[in-house]
PDB file of N, CA and C in Angstrom:
ATOM      1  N   MET A   1      13.504   9.318 -60.982  1.00  0.00           N
ATOM      2  CA  MET A   1      12.682   8.152 -60.726  1.00  0.00           C
ATOM      3  C   MET A   1      13.206   6.985 -61.560  1.00  0.00           C
ATOM      4  N   THR A   2      13.295   5.839 -60.937  1.00  0.00           N
ATOM      5  CA  THR A   2      13.742   4.622 -61.598  1.00  0.00           C
ATOM      6  C   THR A   2      12.532   3.871 -62.136  1.00  0.00           C
ATOM      7  N   THR A   3      12.656   3.398 -63.375  1.00  0.00           N
ATOM      8  CA  THR A   3      11.599   2.581 -63.963  1.00  0.00           C
ATOM      9  C   THR A   3      12.037   1.126 -63.922  1.00  0.00           C
ATOM     10  N   LEU A   4      11.217   0.302 -63.333  1.00  0.00           N
ATOM     11  CA  LEU A   4      11.488  -1.126 -63.278  1.00  0.00           C
ATOM     12  C   LEU A   4      10.503  -1.820 -64.200  1.00  0.00           C
ATOM     13  N   ARG A   5      11.043  -2.482 -65.221  1.00  0.00           N
ATOM     14  CA  ARG A   5      10.209  -3.159 -66.206  1.00  0.00           C
ATOM     15  C   ARG A   5      10.071  -4.639 -65.854  1.00  0.00           C
ATOM     16  N   TYR A   6       8.897  -5.141 -66.099  1.00  0.00           N
ATOM     17  CA  TYR A   6       8.575  -6.536 -65.801  1.00  0.00           C
ATOM     18  C   TYR A   6       9.603  -7.488 -66.417  1.00  0.00           C
ATOM     19  N   ASN A   7       9.852  -7.361 -67.720  1.00  0.00           N
ATOM     20  CA  ASN A   7      10.772  -8.283 -68.398  1.00  0.00           C
ATOM     21  C   ASN A   7      12.185  -8.185 -67.850  1.00  0.00           C
ATOM     22  N   ASP A   8      12.602  -6.989 -67.447  1.00  0.00           N
ATOM     23  CA  ASP A   8      13.942  -6.829 -66.877  1.00  0.00           C
ATOM     24  C   ASP A   8      14.068  -7.581 -65.554  1.00  0.00           C
ATOM     25  N   LEU A   9      13.032  -7.497 -64.719  1.00  0.00           N
ATOM     26  CA  LEU A   9      13.066  -8.215 -63.441  1.00  0.00           C
ATOM     27  C   LEU A   9      13.048  -9.723 -63.667  1.00  0.00           C
ATOM     28  N   VAL A  10      12.183 -10.187 -64.545  1.00  0.00           N
ATOM     29  CA  VAL A  10      12.105 -11.624 -64.846  1.00  0.00           C
ATOM     30  C   VAL A  10      13.453 -12.122 -65.367  1.00  0.00           C
ATOM     31  N   ASP A  11      14.042 -11.405 -66.319  1.00  0.00           N
ATOM     32  CA  ASP A  11      15.328 -11.817 -66.891  1.00  0.00           C
ATOM     33  C   ASP A  11      16.454 -11.765 -65.861  1.00  0.00           C
ATOM     34  N   SER A  12      16.418 -10.782 -64.970  1.00  0.00           N
ATOM     35  CA  SER A  12      17.449 -10.674 -63.927  1.00  0.00           C
ATOM     36  C   SER A  12      17.390 -11.850 -62.966  1.00  0.00           C
ATOM     37  N   VAL A  13      16.201 -12.211 -62.546  1.00  0.00           N
ATOM     38  CA  VAL A  13      16.046 -13.352 -61.636  1.00  0.00           C
ATOM     39  C   VAL A  13      16.490 -14.637 -62.335  1.00  0.00           C
ATOM     40  N   ALA A  14      16.045 -14.848 -63.563  1.00  0.00           N
ATOM     41  CA  ALA A  14      16.420 -16.057 -64.313  1.00  0.00           C
ATOM     42  C   ALA A  14      17.932 -16.118 -64.519  1.00  0.00           C
ATOM     43  N   GLY A  15      18.525 -15.004 -64.904  1.00  0.00           N
ATOM     44  CA  GLY A  15      19.970 -14.962 -65.122  1.00  0.00           C
ATOM     45  C   GLY A  15      20.757 -15.216 -63.849  1.00  0.00           C
ATOM     46  N   ALA A  16      20.293 -14.658 -62.738  1.00  0.00           N
ATOM     47  CA  ALA A  16      20.971 -14.865 -61.458  1.00  0.00           C
ATOM     48  C   ALA A  16      20.937 -16.338 -61.055  1.00  0.00           C
ATOM     49  N   LEU A  17      19.805 -16.988 -61.254  1.00  0.00           N
ATOM     50  CA  LEU A  17      19.701 -18.409 -60.907  1.00  0.00           C
ATOM     51  C   LEU A  17      20.635 -19.260 -61.761  1.00  0.00           C
ATOM     52  N   GLN A  18      20.703 -18.967 -63.039  1.00  0.00           N
ATOM     53  CA  GLN A  18      21.628 -19.691 -63.899  1.00  0.00           C
ATOM     54  C   GLN A  18      23.070 -19.461 -63.437  1.00  0.00           C
ATOM     55  N   TYR A  19      23.414 -18.217 -63.172  1.00  0.00           N
ATOM     56  CA  TYR A  19      24.780 -17.861 -62.769  1.00  0.00           C
ATOM     57  C   TYR A  19      25.194 -18.592 -61.494  1.00  0.00           C
ATOM     58  N   ILE A  20      24.348 -18.519 -60.468  1.00  0.00           N
ATOM     59  CA  ILE A  20      24.742 -19.144 -59.199  1.00  0.00           C
ATOM     60  C   ILE A  20      24.703 -20.666 -59.264  1.00  0.00           C
ATOM     61  N   SER A  21      24.082 -21.225 -60.296  1.00  0.00           N
ATOM     62  CA  SER A  21      24.058 -22.687 -60.411  1.00  0.00           C
ATOM     63  C   SER A  21      25.405 -23.237 -60.860  1.00  0.00           C
ATOM     64  N   TYR A  22      26.221 -22.423 -61.532  1.00  0.00           N
ATOM     65  CA  TYR A  22      27.492 -22.958 -62.023  1.00  0.00           C
ATOM     66  C   TYR A  22      28.736 -22.188 -61.629  1.00  0.00           C
ATOM     67  N   TYR A  23      28.629 -21.149 -60.838  1.00  0.00           N
ATOM     68  CA  TYR A  23      29.816 -20.426 -60.365  1.00  0.00           C
ATOM     69  C   TYR A  23      29.871 -20.406 -58.848  1.00  0.00           C
ATOM     70  N   HIS A  24      30.988 -20.873 -58.289  1.00  0.00           N
ATOM     71  CA  HIS A  24      31.241 -20.677 -56.865  1.00  0.00           C
ATOM     72  C   HIS A  24      31.746 -19.249 -56.677  1.00  0.00           C
ATOM     73  N   PRO A  25      31.481 -18.635 -55.531  1.00  0.00           N
ATOM     74  CA  PRO A  25      32.041 -17.303 -55.266  1.00  0.00           C
ATOM     75  C   PRO A  25      33.574 -17.362 -55.253  1.00  0.00           C
ATOM     76  N   ALA A  26      34.204 -16.295 -55.708  1.00  0.00           N
ATOM     77  CA  ALA A  26      35.670 -16.245 -55.807  1.00  0.00           C
ATOM     78  C   ALA A  26      36.335 -16.452 -54.451  1.00  0.00           C
ATOM     79  N   ASP A  27      35.755 -15.901 -53.390  1.00  0.00           N
ATOM     80  CA  ASP A  27      36.374 -16.068 -52.066  1.00  0.00           C
ATOM     81  C   ASP A  27      36.334 -17.535 -51.625  1.00  0.00           C
ATOM     82  N   TYR A  28      35.297 -18.251 -52.001  1.00  0.00           N
ATOM     83  CA  TYR A  28      35.196 -19.675 -51.677  1.00  0.00           C
ATOM     84  C   TYR A  28      36.319 -20.456 -52.372  1.00  0.00           C
ATOM     85  N   ILE A  29      36.530 -20.167 -53.642  1.00  0.00           N
ATOM     86  CA  ILE A  29      37.599 -20.838 -54.400  1.00  0.00           C
ATOM     87  C   ILE A  29      38.959 -20.502 -53.800  1.00  0.00           C
ATOM     88  N   ALA A  30      39.161 -19.239 -53.442  1.00  0.00           N
ATOM     89  CA  ALA A  30      40.436 -18.820 -52.845  1.00  0.00           C
ATOM     90  C   ALA A  30      40.682 -19.541 -51.519  1.00  0.00           C
ATOM     91  N   HIS A  31      39.649 -19.663 -50.702  1.00  0.00           N
ATOM     92  CA  HIS A  31      39.799 -20.369 -49.421  1.00  0.00           C
ATOM     93  C   HIS A  31      40.088 -21.852 -49.646  1.00  0.00           C
ATOM     94  N   LEU A  32      39.425 -22.456 -50.611  1.00  0.00           N
ATOM     95  CA  LEU A  32      39.702 -23.865 -50.917  1.00  0.00           C
ATOM     96  C   LEU A  32      41.134 -24.049 -51.409  1.00  0.00           C
ATOM     97  N   ALA A  33      41.604 -23.136 -52.237  1.00  0.00           N
ATOM     98  CA  ALA A  33      42.977 -23.225 -52.743  1.00  0.00           C
ATOM     99  C   ALA A  33      43.980 -23.125 -51.591  1.00  0.00           C
ATOM    100  N   ARG A  34      43.721 -22.226 -50.640  1.00  0.00           N
ATOM    101  CA  ARG A  34      44.602 -22.106 -49.474  1.00  0.00           C
ATOM    102  C   ARG A  34      44.524 -23.366 -48.604  1.00  0.00           C
ATOM    103  N   ALA A  35      43.328 -23.905 -48.457  1.00  0.00           N
ATOM    104  CA  ALA A  35      43.169 -25.138 -47.676  1.00  0.00           C
ATOM    105  C   ALA A  35      43.914 -26.289 -48.343  1.00  0.00           C
ATOM    106  N   TYR A  36      43.842 -26.349 -49.664  1.00  0.00           N
ATOM    107  CA  TYR A  36      44.557 -27.386 -50.408  1.00  0.00           C
ATOM    108  C   TYR A  36      46.062 -27.272 -50.165  1.00  0.00           C
ATOM    109  N   ALA A  37      46.584 -26.056 -50.242  1.00  0.00           N
ATOM    110  CA  ALA A  37      48.023 -25.837 -50.061  1.00  0.00           C
ATOM    111  C   ALA A  37      48.477 -26.200 -48.646  1.00  0.00           C
ATOM    112  N   ALA A  38      47.622 -25.977 -47.666  1.00  0.00           N
ATOM    113  CA  ALA A  38      47.994 -26.223 -46.274  1.00  0.00           C
ATOM    114  C   ALA A  38      47.700 -27.652 -45.813  1.00  0.00           C
ATOM    115  N   GLU A  39      46.879 -28.369 -46.534  1.00  0.00           N
ATOM    116  CA  GLU A  39      46.429 -29.704 -46.100  1.00  0.00           C
ATOM    117  C   GLU A  39      47.579 -30.703 -46.104  1.00  0.00           C
ATOM    118  N   GLN A  40      47.644 -31.518 -45.041  1.00  0.00           N
ATOM    119  CA  GLN A  40      48.685 -32.537 -44.899  1.00  0.00           C
ATOM    120  C   GLN A  40      48.204 -33.923 -45.331  1.00  0.00           C
ATOM    121  N   SER A  41      46.943 -34.200 -45.136  1.00  0.00           N
ATOM    122  CA  SER A  41      46.401 -35.525 -45.436  1.00  0.00           C
ATOM    123  C   SER A  41      46.220 -35.707 -46.943  1.00  0.00           C
ATOM    124  N   PRO A  42      46.826 -36.756 -47.510  1.00  0.00           N
ATOM    125  CA  PRO A  42      46.656 -36.992 -48.950  1.00  0.00           C
ATOM    126  C   PRO A  42      45.189 -37.189 -49.356  1.00  0.00           C
ATOM    127  N   ALA A  43      44.427 -37.891 -48.532  1.00  0.00           N
ATOM    128  CA  ALA A  43      43.014 -38.126 -48.868  1.00  0.00           C
ATOM    129  C   ALA A  43      42.233 -36.817 -48.869  1.00  0.00           C
ATOM    130  N   ALA A  44      42.458 -35.986 -47.867  1.00  0.00           N
ATOM    131  CA  ALA A  44      41.768 -34.692 -47.800  1.00  0.00           C
ATOM    132  C   ALA A  44      42.213 -33.789 -48.945  1.00  0.00           C
ATOM    133  N   LYS A  45      43.502 -33.838 -49.261  1.00  0.00           N
ATOM    134  CA  LYS A  45      44.032 -33.029 -50.366  1.00  0.00           C
ATOM    135  C   LYS A  45      43.383 -33.461 -51.687  1.00  0.00           C
ATOM    136  N   ASP A  46      43.217 -34.768 -51.880  1.00  0.00           N
ATOM    137  CA  ASP A  46      42.546 -35.273 -53.087  1.00  0.00           C
ATOM    138  C   ASP A  46      41.090 -34.812 -53.146  1.00  0.00           C
ATOM    139  N   ALA A  47      40.412 -34.823 -52.005  1.00  0.00           N
ATOM    140  CA  ALA A  47      39.011 -34.392 -51.962  1.00  0.00           C
ATOM    141  C   ALA A  47      38.887 -32.911 -52.324  1.00  0.00           C
ATOM    142  N   ILE A  48      39.767 -32.091 -51.771  1.00  0.00           N
ATOM    143  CA  ILE A  48      39.745 -30.654 -52.086  1.00  0.00           C
ATOM    144  C   ILE A  48      40.064 -30.438 -53.564  1.00  0.00           C
ATOM    145  N   ALA A  49      41.029 -31.186 -54.080  1.00  0.00           N
ATOM    146  CA  ALA A  49      41.383 -31.072 -55.502  1.00  0.00           C
ATOM    147  C   ALA A  49      40.190 -31.424 -56.380  1.00  0.00           C
ATOM    148  N   GLN A  50      39.433 -32.440 -55.985  1.00  0.00           N
ATOM    149  CA  GLN A  50      38.257 -32.836 -56.769  1.00  0.00           C
ATOM    150  C   GLN A  50      37.200 -31.740 -56.759  1.00  0.00           C
ATOM    151  N   ILE A  51      36.991 -31.105 -55.604  1.00  0.00           N
ATOM    152  CA  ILE A  51      36.029 -29.999 -55.518  1.00  0.00           C
ATOM    153  C   ILE A  51      36.466 -28.855 -56.427  1.00  0.00           C
ATOM    154  N   LEU A  52      37.750 -28.513 -56.386  1.00  0.00           N
ATOM    155  CA  LEU A  52      38.258 -27.424 -57.234  1.00  0.00           C
ATOM    156  C   LEU A  52      38.134 -27.772 -58.719  1.00  0.00           C
ATOM    157  N   THR A  53      38.438 -29.012 -59.067  1.00  0.00           N
ATOM    158  CA  THR A  53      38.315 -29.452 -60.460  1.00  0.00           C
ATOM    159  C   THR A  53      36.861 -29.401 -60.916  1.00  0.00           C
ATOM    160  N   ASN A  54      35.958 -29.913 -60.084  1.00  0.00           N
ATOM    161  CA  ASN A  54      34.534 -29.890 -60.431  1.00  0.00           C
ATOM    162  C   ASN A  54      34.025 -28.465 -60.585  1.00  0.00           C
ATOM    163  N   SER A  55      34.460 -27.586 -59.705  1.00  0.00           N
ATOM    164  CA  SER A  55      34.033 -26.191 -59.776  1.00  0.00           C
ATOM    165  C   SER A  55      34.477 -25.560 -61.097  1.00  0.00           C
ATOM    166  N   LYS A  56      35.714 -25.839 -61.488  1.00  0.00           N
ATOM    167  CA  LYS A  56      36.229 -25.295 -62.751  1.00  0.00           C
ATOM    168  C   LYS A  56      35.452 -25.857 -63.947  1.00  0.00           C
ATOM    169  N   MET A  57      35.176 -27.149 -63.923  1.00  0.00           N
ATOM    170  CA  MET A  57      34.428 -27.771 -65.020  1.00  0.00           C
ATOM    171  C   MET A  57      33.014 -27.191 -65.125  1.00  0.00           C
ATOM    172  N   CYS A  58      32.385 -26.958 -63.983  1.00  0.00           N
ATOM    173  CA  CYS A  58      31.034 -26.379 -63.980  1.00  0.00           C
ATOM    174  C   CYS A  58      31.044 -24.976 -64.560  1.00  0.00           C
ATOM    175  N   ALA A  59      32.020 -24.180 -64.158  1.00  0.00           N
ATOM    176  CA  ALA A  59      32.108 -22.804 -64.649  1.00  0.00           C
ATOM    177  C   ALA A  59      32.381 -22.778 -66.148  1.00  0.00           C
ATOM    178  N   GLU A  60      33.307 -23.605 -66.603  1.00  0.00           N
ATOM    179  CA  GLU A  60      33.649 -23.620 -68.029  1.00  0.00           C
ATOM    180  C   GLU A  60      32.508 -24.171 -68.880  1.00  0.00           C
ATOM    181  N   GLY A  61      31.838 -25.202 -68.395  1.00  0.00           N
ATOM    182  CA  GLY A  61      30.764 -25.827 -69.159  1.00  0.00           C
ATOM    183  C   GLY A  61      29.399 -25.232 -68.902  1.00  0.00           C
ATOM    184  N   LYS A  62      29.333 -24.308 -67.943  1.00  0.00           N
ATOM    185  CA  LYS A  62      28.066 -23.681 -67.548  1.00  0.00           C
ATOM    186  C   LYS A  62      27.002 -24.735 -67.264  1.00  0.00           C
ATOM    187  N   ARG A  63      27.377 -25.643 -66.372  1.00  0.00           N
ATOM    188  CA  ARG A  63      26.488 -26.696 -65.906  1.00  0.00           C
ATOM    189  C   ARG A  63      26.421 -26.620 -64.389  1.00  0.00           C
ATOM    190  N   PRO A  64      25.296 -27.010 -63.801  1.00  0.00           N
ATOM    191  CA  PRO A  64      25.148 -26.876 -62.348  1.00  0.00           C
ATOM    192  C   PRO A  64      26.237 -27.595 -61.554  1.00  0.00           C
ATOM    193  N   ILE A  65      26.640 -26.956 -60.480  1.00  0.00           N
ATOM    194  CA  ILE A  65      27.633 -27.506 -59.568  1.00  0.00           C
ATOM    195  C   ILE A  65      27.085 -28.759 -58.901  1.00  0.00           C
ATOM    196  N   CYS A  66      25.810 -28.733 -58.593  1.00  0.00           N
ATOM    197  CA  CYS A  66      25.153 -29.841 -57.902  1.00  0.00           C
ATOM    198  C   CYS A  66      23.928 -30.261 -58.717  1.00  0.00           C
ATOM    199  N   GLN A  67      23.646 -31.547 -58.723  1.00  0.00           N
ATOM    200  CA  GLN A  67      22.488 -32.035 -59.480  1.00  0.00           C
ATOM    201  C   GLN A  67      21.191 -31.437 -58.950  1.00  0.00           C
ATOM    202  N   ASP A  68      21.075 -31.339 -57.632  1.00  0.00           N
ATOM    203  CA  ASP A  68      19.873 -30.770 -57.015  1.00  0.00           C
ATOM    204  C   ASP A  68      20.154 -29.300 -56.727  1.00  0.00           C
ATOM    205  N   THR A  69      19.534 -28.425 -57.491  1.00  0.00           N
ATOM    206  CA  THR A  69      19.837 -26.998 -57.369  1.00  0.00           C
ATOM    207  C   THR A  69      19.010 -26.291 -56.304  1.00  0.00           C
ATOM    208  N   GLY A  70      18.263 -27.031 -55.514  1.00  0.00           N
ATOM    209  CA  GLY A  70      17.676 -26.493 -54.296  1.00  0.00           C
ATOM    210  C   GLY A  70      16.412 -25.675 -54.426  1.00  0.00           C
ATOM    211  N   ILE A  71      16.144 -24.962 -53.353  1.00  0.00           N
ATOM    212  CA  ILE A  71      14.961 -24.118 -53.221  1.00  0.00           C
ATOM    213  C   ILE A  71      15.396 -22.666 -53.362  1.00  0.00           C
ATOM    214  N   VAL A  72      14.592 -21.876 -54.014  1.00  0.00           N
ATOM    215  CA  VAL A  72      14.939 -20.472 -54.261  1.00  0.00           C
ATOM    216  C   VAL A  72      14.287 -19.571 -53.218  1.00  0.00           C
ATOM    217  N   ASN A  73      15.098 -18.706 -52.627  1.00  0.00           N
ATOM    218  CA  ASN A  73      14.612 -17.628 -51.760  1.00  0.00           C
ATOM    219  C   ASN A  73      15.108 -16.332 -52.365  1.00  0.00           C
ATOM    220  N   VAL A  74      14.209 -15.440 -52.694  1.00  0.00           N
ATOM    221  CA  VAL A  74      14.580 -14.164 -53.313  1.00  0.00           C
ATOM    222  C   VAL A  74      14.281 -13.045 -52.328  1.00  0.00           C
ATOM    223  N   PHE A  75      15.271 -12.197 -52.113  1.00  0.00           N
ATOM    224  CA  PHE A  75      15.105 -11.017 -51.272  1.00  0.00           C
ATOM    225  C   PHE A  75      15.317  -9.800 -52.152  1.00  0.00           C
ATOM    226  N   LEU A  76      14.336  -8.933 -52.199  1.00  0.00           N
ATOM    227  CA  LEU A  76      14.424  -7.717 -53.008  1.00  0.00           C
ATOM    228  C   LEU A  76      14.502  -6.503 -52.096  1.00  0.00           C
ATOM    229  N   LYS A  77      15.337  -5.567 -52.475  1.00  0.00           N
ATOM    230  CA  LYS A  77      15.386  -4.289 -51.792  1.00  0.00           C
ATOM    231  C   LYS A  77      14.934  -3.255 -52.820  1.00  0.00           C
ATOM    232  N   ILE A  78      13.772  -2.686 -52.588  1.00  0.00           N
ATOM    233  CA  ILE A  78      13.165  -1.776 -53.555  1.00  0.00           C
ATOM    234  C   ILE A  78      13.073  -0.393 -52.930  1.00  0.00           C
ATOM    235  N   GLY A  79      13.558   0.589 -53.645  1.00  0.00           N
ATOM    236  CA  GLY A  79      13.523   1.964 -53.148  1.00  0.00           C
ATOM    237  C   GLY A  79      12.128   2.566 -53.189  1.00  0.00           C
ATOM    238  N   MET A  80      12.059   3.798 -52.734  1.00  0.00           N
ATOM    239  CA  MET A  80      10.772   4.492 -52.642  1.00  0.00           C
ATOM    240  C   MET A  80      10.349   5.130 -53.968  1.00  0.00           C
ATOM    241  N   ASP A  81      11.306   5.511 -54.781  1.00  0.00           N
ATOM    242  CA  ASP A  81      11.002   6.276 -55.985  1.00  0.00           C
ATOM    243  C   ASP A  81      11.098   5.377 -57.220  1.00  0.00           C
ATOM    244  N   VAL A  82      10.208   4.390 -57.304  1.00  0.00           N
ATOM    245  CA  VAL A  82      10.233   3.404 -58.384  1.00  0.00           C
ATOM    246  C   VAL A  82       8.922   3.455 -59.153  1.00  0.00           C
ATOM    247  N   ARG A  83       9.061   3.418 -60.460  1.00  0.00           N
ATOM    248  CA  ARG A  83       7.880   3.324 -61.319  1.00  0.00           C
ATOM    249  C   ARG A  83       7.873   1.927 -61.932  1.00  0.00           C
ATOM    250  N   TRP A  84       6.751   1.245 -61.818  1.00  0.00           N
ATOM    251  CA  TRP A  84       6.607  -0.117 -62.318  1.00  0.00           C
ATOM    252  C   TRP A  84       6.008  -0.065 -63.716  1.00  0.00           C
ATOM    253  N   GLU A  85       6.602  -0.820 -64.625  1.00  0.00           N
ATOM    254  CA  GLU A  85       6.122  -0.786 -66.006  1.00  0.00           C
ATOM    255  C   GLU A  85       5.943  -2.203 -66.543  1.00  0.00           C
ATOM    256  N   GLY A  86       4.764  -2.476 -67.076  1.00  0.00           N
ATOM    257  CA  GLY A  86       4.501  -3.746 -67.753  1.00  0.00           C
ATOM    258  C   GLY A  86       4.252  -4.926 -66.841  1.00  0.00           C
ATOM    259  N   PHE A  87       3.927  -4.685 -65.590  1.00  0.00           N
ATOM    260  CA  PHE A  87       3.663  -5.776 -64.651  1.00  0.00           C
ATOM    261  C   PHE A  87       2.193  -6.178 -64.744  1.00  0.00           C
ATOM    262  N   PRO A  88       1.902  -7.382 -65.272  1.00  0.00           N
ATOM    263  CA  PRO A  88       0.507  -7.820 -65.362  1.00  0.00           C
ATOM    264  C   PRO A  88      -0.076  -8.152 -63.989  1.00  0.00           C
ATOM    265  N   ALA A  89       0.796  -8.434 -63.039  1.00  0.00           N
ATOM    266  CA  ALA A  89       0.370  -8.733 -61.663  1.00  0.00           C
ATOM    267  C   ALA A  89       1.417  -8.122 -60.732  1.00  0.00           C
ATOM    268  N   GLY A  90       1.583  -8.659 -59.551  1.00  0.00           N
ATOM    269  CA  GLY A  90       2.500  -8.093 -58.573  1.00  0.00           C
ATOM    270  C   GLY A  90       3.948  -8.495 -58.775  1.00  0.00           C
ATOM    271  N   VAL A  91       4.794  -7.938 -57.933  1.00  0.00           N
ATOM    272  CA  VAL A  91       6.230  -8.218 -57.971  1.00  0.00           C
ATOM    273  C   VAL A  91       6.497  -9.697 -57.688  1.00  0.00           C
ATOM    274  N   GLU A  92       5.778 -10.267 -56.742  1.00  0.00           N
ATOM    275  CA  GLU A  92       5.978 -11.680 -56.415  1.00  0.00           C
ATOM    276  C   GLU A  92       5.726 -12.566 -57.635  1.00  0.00           C
ATOM    277  N   ASP A  93       4.707 -12.252 -58.411  1.00  0.00           N
ATOM    278  CA  ASP A  93       4.437 -13.029 -59.627  1.00  0.00           C
ATOM    279  C   ASP A  93       5.570 -12.878 -60.635  1.00  0.00           C
ATOM    280  N   ALA A  94       6.129 -11.687 -60.742  1.00  0.00           N
ATOM    281  CA  ALA A  94       7.251 -11.463 -61.661  1.00  0.00           C
ATOM    282  C   ALA A  94       8.469 -12.272 -61.221  1.00  0.00           C
ATOM    283  N   VAL A  95       8.748 -12.282 -59.918  1.00  0.00           N
ATOM    284  CA  VAL A  95       9.869 -13.073 -59.402  1.00  0.00           C
ATOM    285  C   VAL A  95       9.626 -14.556 -59.677  1.00  0.00           C
ATOM    286  N   ASN A  96       8.417 -15.024 -59.432  1.00  0.00           N
ATOM    287  CA  ASN A  96       8.098 -16.429 -59.709  1.00  0.00           C
ATOM    288  C   ASN A  96       8.254 -16.759 -61.191  1.00  0.00           C
ATOM    289  N   ASP A  97       7.884 -15.827 -62.058  1.00  0.00           N
ATOM    290  CA  ASP A  97       8.087 -16.036 -63.499  1.00  0.00           C
ATOM    291  C   ASP A  97       9.578 -16.120 -63.820  1.00  0.00           C
ATOM    292  N   GLY A  98      10.385 -15.312 -63.149  1.00  0.00           N
ATOM    293  CA  GLY A  98      11.833 -15.357 -63.343  1.00  0.00           C
ATOM    294  C   GLY A  98      12.428 -16.670 -62.873  1.00  0.00           C
ATOM    295  N   VAL A  99      11.954 -17.162 -61.735  1.00  0.00           N
ATOM    296  CA  VAL A  99      12.419 -18.457 -61.228  1.00  0.00           C
ATOM    297  C   VAL A  99      12.040 -19.557 -62.216  1.00  0.00           C
ATOM    298  N   ARG A 100      10.818 -19.522 -62.674  1.00  0.00           N
ATOM    299  CA  ARG A 100      10.355 -20.518 -63.648  1.00  0.00           C
ATOM    300  C   ARG A 100      11.223 -20.472 -64.909  1.00  0.00           C
ATOM    301  N   LYS A 101      11.470 -19.272 -65.406  1.00  0.00           N
ATOM    302  CA  LYS A 101      12.287 -19.120 -66.617  1.00  0.00           C
ATOM    303  C   LYS A 101      13.718 -19.619 -66.378  1.00  0.00           C
ATOM    304  N   GLY A 102      14.276 -19.312 -65.224  1.00  0.00           N
ATOM    305  CA  GLY A 102      15.633 -19.757 -64.903  1.00  0.00           C
ATOM    306  C   GLY A 102      15.746 -21.263 -64.798  1.00  0.00           C
ATOM    307  N   TYR A 103      14.756 -21.886 -64.192  1.00  0.00           N
ATOM    308  CA  TYR A 103      14.792 -23.338 -64.016  1.00  0.00           C
ATOM    309  C   TYR A 103      14.486 -24.096 -65.301  1.00  0.00           C
ATOM    310  N   LEU A 104      13.758 -23.482 -66.207  1.00  0.00           N
ATOM    311  CA  LEU A 104      13.373 -24.173 -67.444  1.00  0.00           C
ATOM    312  C   LEU A 104      14.209 -23.767 -68.651  1.00  0.00           C
ATOM    313  N   ASP A 105      15.309 -23.067 -68.425  1.00  0.00           N
ATOM    314  CA  ASP A 105      16.186 -22.643 -69.518  1.00  0.00           C
ATOM    315  C   ASP A 105      16.585 -23.872 -70.337  1.00  0.00           C
ATOM    316  N   PRO A 106      16.278 -23.892 -71.637  1.00  0.00           N
ATOM    317  CA  PRO A 106      16.562 -25.090 -72.444  1.00  0.00           C
ATOM    318  C   PRO A 106      18.055 -25.397 -72.568  1.00  0.00           C
ATOM    319  N   ASP A 107      18.913 -24.404 -72.369  1.00  0.00           N
ATOM    320  CA  ASP A 107      20.354 -24.637 -72.453  1.00  0.00           C
ATOM    321  C   ASP A 107      20.934 -25.198 -71.159  1.00  0.00           C
ATOM    322  N   ASN A 108      20.205 -25.061 -70.058  1.00  0.00           N
ATOM    323  CA  ASN A 108      20.701 -25.538 -68.767  1.00  0.00           C
ATOM    324  C   ASN A 108      19.528 -25.691 -67.808  1.00  0.00           C
ATOM    325  N   THR A 109      18.726 -26.726 -68.026  1.00  0.00           N
ATOM    326  CA  THR A 109      17.561 -26.958 -67.182  1.00  0.00           C
ATOM    327  C   THR A 109      18.026 -27.329 -65.777  1.00  0.00           C
ATOM    328  N   LEU A 110      17.456 -26.653 -64.776  1.00  0.00           N
ATOM    329  CA  LEU A 110      17.820 -26.910 -63.387  1.00  0.00           C
ATOM    330  C   LEU A 110      16.783 -27.821 -62.745  1.00  0.00           C
ATOM    331  N   ARG A 111      17.217 -28.602 -61.779  1.00  0.00           N
ATOM    332  CA  ARG A 111      16.312 -29.514 -61.084  1.00  0.00           C
ATOM    333  C   ARG A 111      15.968 -28.928 -59.729  1.00  0.00           C
ATOM    334  N   ALA A 112      14.701 -28.738 -59.482  1.00  0.00           N
ATOM    335  CA  ALA A 112      14.252 -28.194 -58.202  1.00  0.00           C
ATOM    336  C   ALA A 112      14.107 -29.303 -57.170  1.00  0.00           C
ATOM    337  N   SER A 113      14.194 -28.924 -55.913  1.00  0.00           N
ATOM    338  CA  SER A 113      13.992 -29.892 -54.823  1.00  0.00           C
ATOM    339  C   SER A 113      12.523 -30.210 -54.696  1.00  0.00           C
TER     340      SER A 113
END
């Protein structure tokens, strides 16, 4: 039986939101790099270069890629053999607490839509 603790879920949601705010997926970066190499137009090549540069700066500085970090949709897949520990309310409340914690992180406050 798996034990799911309230604080672990809250921290996981908050951490995931912080992570996705400043890291592009590796496949996205790889596709942009290939597009840059294949691009013929100097203006388009400059635009792609700027996106790649901004992405690198965001990852290194751990700052959001975009000023408006959007709306959060969380999808959970929960198995049948789970024991819940330390949940003062339901799972939805724990996820909302994680979103709140992620958006209000003092080291990288995110702006909601």
